[in-house]
N, C-alpha and C. Protein backbone atom coordinates (compact mmCIF):
# COMPACT_ATOMS: atom_id res chain seq x y z
N GLN A 1 45.11 10.24 -9.07
CA GLN A 1 44.16 11.34 -9.14
C GLN A 1 44.95 12.68 -8.69
N VAL A 2 44.67 13.63 -9.53
CA VAL A 2 45.46 14.90 -9.29
C VAL A 2 44.67 15.81 -8.36
N GLN A 3 45.34 16.33 -7.36
CA GLN A 3 44.72 17.21 -6.38
C GLN A 3 45.65 18.37 -6.00
N LEU A 4 44.98 19.49 -5.58
CA LEU A 4 45.71 20.60 -5.05
C LEU A 4 45.49 20.69 -3.63
N ALA A 5 46.45 20.90 -2.77
CA ALA A 5 46.32 21.08 -1.29
C ALA A 5 47.03 22.36 -0.88
N GLU A 6 46.23 23.20 -0.25
CA GLU A 6 46.78 24.42 0.37
C GLU A 6 47.10 24.32 1.85
N SER A 7 48.09 25.10 2.18
CA SER A 7 48.41 25.19 3.68
C SER A 7 48.95 26.56 3.97
N GLY A 8 48.96 26.93 5.24
CA GLY A 8 49.57 28.11 5.72
C GLY A 8 48.62 29.24 6.07
N GLY A 9 47.36 29.10 6.06
CA GLY A 9 46.43 30.01 6.52
C GLY A 9 46.38 30.07 7.94
N GLY A 10 45.68 31.17 8.45
CA GLY A 10 45.49 31.35 9.93
C GLY A 10 45.18 32.73 10.28
N LEU A 11 45.38 32.94 11.55
CA LEU A 11 45.04 34.22 12.10
C LEU A 11 46.31 35.08 12.37
N VAL A 12 46.30 36.26 11.84
CA VAL A 12 47.47 37.25 11.92
C VAL A 12 47.03 38.61 12.19
N GLN A 13 47.85 39.40 12.94
CA GLN A 13 47.52 40.76 13.28
C GLN A 13 47.74 41.69 12.02
N PRO A 14 47.07 42.76 12.02
CA PRO A 14 47.35 43.70 10.93
C PRO A 14 48.81 44.11 10.84
N GLY A 15 49.26 44.13 9.67
CA GLY A 15 50.74 44.44 9.42
C GLY A 15 51.62 43.25 9.43
N GLY A 16 50.97 42.12 9.80
CA GLY A 16 51.83 40.87 9.86
C GLY A 16 51.91 40.22 8.52
N SER A 17 52.60 39.01 8.53
CA SER A 17 52.88 38.22 7.25
C SER A 17 52.36 36.80 7.41
N LEU A 18 52.07 36.26 6.35
CA LEU A 18 51.80 34.86 6.19
C LEU A 18 52.31 34.29 4.84
N ARG A 19 52.56 33.07 4.80
CA ARG A 19 52.95 32.41 3.64
C ARG A 19 52.10 31.25 3.34
N LEU A 20 51.33 31.32 2.16
CA LEU A 20 50.48 30.22 1.82
C LEU A 20 51.28 29.31 0.73
N SER A 21 50.97 28.02 0.86
CA SER A 21 51.72 27.13 -0.03
C SER A 21 50.67 26.17 -0.67
N CYS A 22 50.90 25.85 -1.89
CA CYS A 22 49.93 24.89 -2.57
C CYS A 22 50.79 23.84 -3.26
N VAL A 23 50.49 22.54 -3.06
CA VAL A 23 51.28 21.47 -3.65
C VAL A 23 50.30 20.73 -4.57
N VAL A 24 50.85 20.32 -5.78
CA VAL A 24 50.09 19.49 -6.69
C VAL A 24 50.50 18.05 -6.44
N SER A 25 49.61 17.22 -6.32
CA SER A 25 49.89 15.75 -6.19
C SER A 25 49.15 15.03 -7.25
N GLY A 26 49.77 13.80 -7.59
CA GLY A 26 49.27 12.96 -8.62
C GLY A 26 50.04 13.14 -9.83
N PRO A 27 49.74 12.35 -10.82
CA PRO A 27 50.54 12.32 -12.12
C PRO A 27 50.13 13.46 -13.05
N ILE A 28 51.05 14.36 -13.36
CA ILE A 28 50.84 15.40 -14.35
C ILE A 28 52.05 15.37 -15.32
N PHE A 29 51.82 16.04 -16.49
CA PHE A 29 52.96 16.19 -17.42
C PHE A 29 53.57 17.47 -17.24
N LYS A 30 52.78 18.50 -17.00
CA LYS A 30 53.45 19.96 -16.91
C LYS A 30 52.48 20.81 -16.22
N MET A 31 53.04 21.79 -15.43
CA MET A 31 52.25 22.82 -14.88
C MET A 31 52.28 24.03 -15.80
N HIS A 32 51.16 24.56 -16.09
CA HIS A 32 51.10 25.81 -16.83
C HIS A 32 50.80 27.01 -15.86
N ASP A 33 49.90 27.89 -16.20
CA ASP A 33 49.65 28.97 -15.25
C ASP A 33 49.16 28.54 -13.99
N MET A 34 49.62 29.19 -12.91
CA MET A 34 49.13 28.86 -11.51
C MET A 34 48.82 30.17 -10.84
N GLY A 35 47.90 30.06 -9.92
CA GLY A 35 47.50 31.31 -9.29
C GLY A 35 46.85 31.15 -7.94
N TRP A 36 46.59 32.29 -7.29
CA TRP A 36 45.92 32.33 -6.04
C TRP A 36 44.68 33.29 -6.22
N TYR A 37 43.57 32.83 -5.71
CA TYR A 37 42.36 33.63 -5.71
C TYR A 37 41.81 33.77 -4.35
N ARG A 38 40.93 34.68 -4.08
CA ARG A 38 40.29 34.73 -2.79
C ARG A 38 38.85 35.05 -2.88
N ARG A 39 38.13 34.66 -1.88
CA ARG A 39 36.65 34.96 -1.75
C ARG A 39 36.47 35.57 -0.38
N THR A 40 35.99 36.74 -0.39
CA THR A 40 35.66 37.47 0.85
C THR A 40 34.14 37.32 1.08
N PRO A 41 33.67 37.41 2.31
CA PRO A 41 32.23 37.15 2.59
C PRO A 41 31.33 38.15 1.71
N GLY A 42 30.37 37.46 1.03
CA GLY A 42 29.43 38.25 0.25
C GLY A 42 29.97 38.59 -1.06
N ASN A 43 31.17 38.26 -1.49
CA ASN A 43 31.73 38.55 -2.70
C ASN A 43 32.10 37.31 -3.53
N GLN A 44 32.37 37.60 -4.86
CA GLN A 44 32.81 36.47 -5.71
C GLN A 44 34.30 36.30 -5.56
N ARG A 45 34.71 35.16 -6.01
CA ARG A 45 36.06 34.83 -5.98
C ARG A 45 36.92 35.80 -6.96
N GLU A 46 37.98 36.31 -6.51
CA GLU A 46 38.71 37.28 -7.33
C GLU A 46 40.21 36.85 -7.40
N LEU A 47 40.86 37.19 -8.49
CA LEU A 47 42.27 36.96 -8.71
C LEU A 47 43.09 37.78 -7.71
N VAL A 48 44.07 37.07 -7.08
CA VAL A 48 44.99 37.79 -6.21
C VAL A 48 46.37 37.89 -6.93
N ALA A 49 46.86 36.73 -7.49
CA ALA A 49 48.12 36.76 -8.22
C ALA A 49 48.20 35.59 -9.08
N GLU A 50 48.95 35.57 -10.15
CA GLU A 50 49.06 34.44 -10.96
C GLU A 50 50.54 34.46 -11.47
N ILE A 51 51.06 33.36 -11.88
CA ILE A 51 52.40 33.18 -12.37
C ILE A 51 52.37 32.13 -13.51
N SER A 52 52.92 32.55 -14.60
CA SER A 52 52.90 31.72 -15.81
C SER A 52 54.06 30.65 -15.72
N ASP A 53 54.04 29.67 -16.58
CA ASP A 53 55.09 28.65 -16.57
C ASP A 53 56.49 29.25 -17.00
N GLY A 54 56.42 30.39 -17.52
CA GLY A 54 57.69 31.15 -17.79
C GLY A 54 58.16 32.09 -16.67
N GLY A 55 57.35 32.13 -15.61
CA GLY A 55 57.74 32.91 -14.48
C GLY A 55 57.11 34.30 -14.60
N GLY A 56 56.40 34.70 -15.49
CA GLY A 56 55.81 35.97 -15.53
C GLY A 56 54.62 36.07 -14.44
N THR A 57 54.65 37.24 -13.87
CA THR A 57 53.64 37.41 -12.80
C THR A 57 52.67 38.53 -13.04
N THR A 58 51.44 38.36 -12.44
CA THR A 58 50.37 39.36 -12.51
C THR A 58 49.75 39.46 -11.10
N TYR A 59 49.60 40.71 -10.64
CA TYR A 59 49.03 40.86 -9.33
C TYR A 59 47.77 41.81 -9.45
N ALA A 60 46.84 41.55 -8.50
CA ALA A 60 45.71 42.37 -8.38
C ALA A 60 46.24 43.79 -7.77
N ASP A 61 45.63 44.92 -8.16
CA ASP A 61 46.08 46.13 -7.63
C ASP A 61 46.11 46.25 -6.16
N PHE A 62 45.14 45.52 -5.49
CA PHE A 62 45.03 45.70 -4.04
C PHE A 62 46.11 44.89 -3.32
N VAL A 63 46.96 44.13 -4.01
CA VAL A 63 48.04 43.45 -3.28
C VAL A 63 49.35 43.88 -3.84
N LYS A 64 49.41 44.65 -4.87
CA LYS A 64 50.79 45.04 -5.44
C LYS A 64 51.66 45.71 -4.42
N GLY A 65 52.87 45.15 -4.36
CA GLY A 65 53.87 45.68 -3.40
C GLY A 65 53.86 44.98 -1.98
N ARG A 66 52.80 44.23 -1.84
CA ARG A 66 52.70 43.55 -0.49
C ARG A 66 52.73 41.98 -0.64
N PHE A 67 52.24 41.45 -1.74
CA PHE A 67 52.25 40.01 -1.86
C PHE A 67 53.23 39.52 -3.03
N THR A 68 53.73 38.36 -2.90
CA THR A 68 54.68 37.91 -3.85
C THR A 68 54.41 36.45 -4.21
N ILE A 69 54.15 36.13 -5.39
CA ILE A 69 53.79 34.72 -5.78
C ILE A 69 55.17 34.09 -6.42
N SER A 70 55.34 32.89 -6.12
CA SER A 70 56.49 32.10 -6.63
C SER A 70 56.09 30.72 -6.98
N ARG A 71 56.85 29.93 -7.74
CA ARG A 71 56.58 28.56 -7.99
C ARG A 71 57.89 27.83 -8.05
N ASP A 72 57.72 26.51 -7.74
CA ASP A 72 58.82 25.58 -7.95
C ASP A 72 58.39 24.39 -8.70
N ASN A 73 58.78 24.36 -9.92
CA ASN A 73 58.20 23.31 -10.82
C ASN A 73 58.73 21.89 -10.37
N ALA A 74 59.86 21.75 -9.80
CA ALA A 74 60.44 20.51 -9.42
C ALA A 74 59.64 19.91 -8.36
N LYS A 75 59.22 20.77 -7.35
CA LYS A 75 58.49 20.44 -6.16
C LYS A 75 56.97 20.42 -6.39
N LYS A 76 56.59 20.93 -7.59
CA LYS A 76 55.16 21.10 -7.93
C LYS A 76 54.38 22.00 -6.88
N THR A 77 54.96 23.11 -6.56
CA THR A 77 54.36 23.97 -5.62
C THR A 77 54.22 25.41 -6.20
N VAL A 78 53.19 26.12 -5.65
CA VAL A 78 53.16 27.54 -5.89
C VAL A 78 52.81 28.23 -4.56
N ASP A 79 53.54 29.26 -4.21
CA ASP A 79 53.49 29.89 -2.87
C ASP A 79 53.01 31.31 -2.98
N LEU A 80 52.44 31.83 -1.95
CA LEU A 80 52.01 33.20 -1.95
C LEU A 80 52.58 33.85 -0.59
N HIS A 81 53.50 34.67 -0.66
CA HIS A 81 54.02 35.39 0.46
C HIS A 81 53.33 36.73 0.63
N MET A 82 52.64 36.79 1.84
CA MET A 82 51.80 38.00 1.97
C MET A 82 52.43 38.90 3.15
N ASP A 83 52.72 40.06 2.86
CA ASP A 83 53.28 40.99 3.84
C ASP A 83 52.25 42.16 4.10
N SER A 84 52.50 42.92 5.17
CA SER A 84 51.63 44.10 5.48
C SER A 84 50.16 43.82 5.30
N LEU A 85 49.76 42.73 5.89
CA LEU A 85 48.40 42.26 5.80
C LEU A 85 47.45 43.28 6.37
N LYS A 86 46.25 43.40 5.79
CA LYS A 86 45.23 44.31 6.24
C LYS A 86 44.02 43.52 6.66
N PRO A 87 43.09 44.06 7.43
CA PRO A 87 41.88 43.35 7.73
C PRO A 87 41.00 42.99 6.47
N GLU A 88 41.13 43.88 5.53
CA GLU A 88 40.36 43.65 4.26
C GLU A 88 40.95 42.45 3.39
N ASP A 89 42.13 41.98 3.84
CA ASP A 89 42.69 40.76 3.24
C ASP A 89 42.10 39.49 3.77
N THR A 90 41.17 39.67 4.84
CA THR A 90 40.52 38.47 5.34
C THR A 90 39.72 37.74 4.26
N ALA A 91 39.87 36.53 4.07
CA ALA A 91 39.24 35.74 3.00
C ALA A 91 39.66 34.31 3.09
N VAL A 92 38.91 33.56 2.26
CA VAL A 92 39.30 32.22 1.94
C VAL A 92 40.22 32.31 0.67
N TYR A 93 41.39 31.72 0.78
CA TYR A 93 42.28 31.79 -0.42
C TYR A 93 42.42 30.46 -1.03
N TYR A 94 42.28 30.49 -2.39
CA TYR A 94 42.26 29.27 -3.16
C TYR A 94 43.41 29.21 -4.16
N CYS A 95 44.00 28.05 -4.23
CA CYS A 95 45.02 27.77 -5.23
C CYS A 95 44.40 27.32 -6.58
N ASN A 96 44.88 27.74 -7.65
CA ASN A 96 44.38 27.32 -8.97
C ASN A 96 45.62 26.90 -9.87
N ALA A 97 45.44 25.89 -10.59
CA ALA A 97 46.41 25.36 -11.45
C ALA A 97 45.90 24.90 -12.74
N ASN A 98 46.53 25.36 -13.83
CA ASN A 98 46.19 24.90 -15.15
C ASN A 98 47.23 23.77 -15.46
N LEU A 99 46.82 22.57 -15.60
CA LEU A 99 47.75 21.48 -15.63
C LEU A 99 47.65 20.61 -16.95
N ARG A 100 48.71 20.29 -17.55
CA ARG A 100 48.68 19.37 -18.70
C ARG A 100 48.80 17.99 -18.08
N LEU A 101 47.79 17.17 -18.35
CA LEU A 101 47.83 15.82 -17.79
C LEU A 101 48.59 14.81 -18.62
N ASN A 102 48.50 15.05 -19.97
CA ASN A 102 49.25 14.21 -20.96
C ASN A 102 49.35 15.04 -22.23
N ARG A 103 49.70 14.40 -23.29
CA ARG A 103 49.99 15.00 -24.54
C ARG A 103 48.60 15.61 -25.13
N PHE A 104 47.52 15.13 -24.67
CA PHE A 104 46.30 15.57 -25.31
C PHE A 104 45.30 16.30 -24.30
N ALA A 105 45.51 16.25 -23.08
CA ALA A 105 44.59 16.80 -22.09
C ALA A 105 45.14 17.79 -21.22
N MET A 106 44.37 18.90 -21.10
CA MET A 106 44.68 19.93 -19.99
C MET A 106 43.48 20.17 -19.20
N LYS A 107 43.68 20.49 -17.90
CA LYS A 107 42.48 20.70 -17.06
C LYS A 107 42.93 21.76 -15.96
N ASP A 108 41.91 22.46 -15.53
CA ASP A 108 41.96 23.45 -14.57
C ASP A 108 41.50 22.85 -13.21
N TYR A 109 42.41 23.02 -12.18
CA TYR A 109 42.15 22.46 -10.78
C TYR A 109 42.14 23.58 -9.80
N TRP A 110 41.32 23.27 -8.76
CA TRP A 110 41.24 24.20 -7.60
C TRP A 110 41.45 23.46 -6.35
N GLY A 111 42.16 24.15 -5.37
CA GLY A 111 42.33 23.55 -3.99
C GLY A 111 41.02 23.79 -3.23
N GLN A 112 41.04 23.29 -2.03
CA GLN A 112 39.85 23.37 -1.16
C GLN A 112 39.71 24.70 -0.43
N GLY A 113 40.79 25.47 -0.45
CA GLY A 113 40.75 26.78 0.21
C GLY A 113 41.37 26.76 1.61
N THR A 114 41.93 27.84 2.01
CA THR A 114 42.46 28.11 3.33
C THR A 114 42.10 29.43 3.83
N GLN A 115 41.70 29.49 5.04
CA GLN A 115 41.17 30.72 5.65
C GLN A 115 42.26 31.57 6.14
N VAL A 116 42.30 32.87 5.71
CA VAL A 116 43.26 33.87 6.27
C VAL A 116 42.36 34.86 6.97
N THR A 117 42.66 35.22 8.24
CA THR A 117 42.00 36.11 9.04
C THR A 117 42.96 37.19 9.55
N VAL A 118 42.71 38.40 9.19
CA VAL A 118 43.60 39.54 9.71
C VAL A 118 42.83 40.32 10.68
N SER A 119 43.21 40.20 12.00
CA SER A 119 42.51 40.90 12.99
C SER A 119 43.46 41.07 14.21
N SER A 120 43.16 42.13 14.94
CA SER A 120 43.77 42.38 16.23
C SER A 120 43.10 41.85 17.39
């Protein structure tokens, strides 16, 4: 069974840093686009950053210059390094992965989410 598991969330002071990690477990053929989304209280889930299987990256305007997304295909992980965190970055962060399961099937997966709280 294929699953995504996030780790690395927590409480951090404004201006601090956190690194989120997401690992894919279970049998897959290939990882395609992978990304991080977040949901703030009262809002819909929004894209934070994504990375293609070729390494191309896209960032939301509100994190450009502060967050960096990376992937390790051998380890089946996608990480989000967050610097200069602001209180408005407080949210539940979700990992997303578009995975090829076999020659014929692709599926989109989500992790369970990890809480990031930025507060003094």
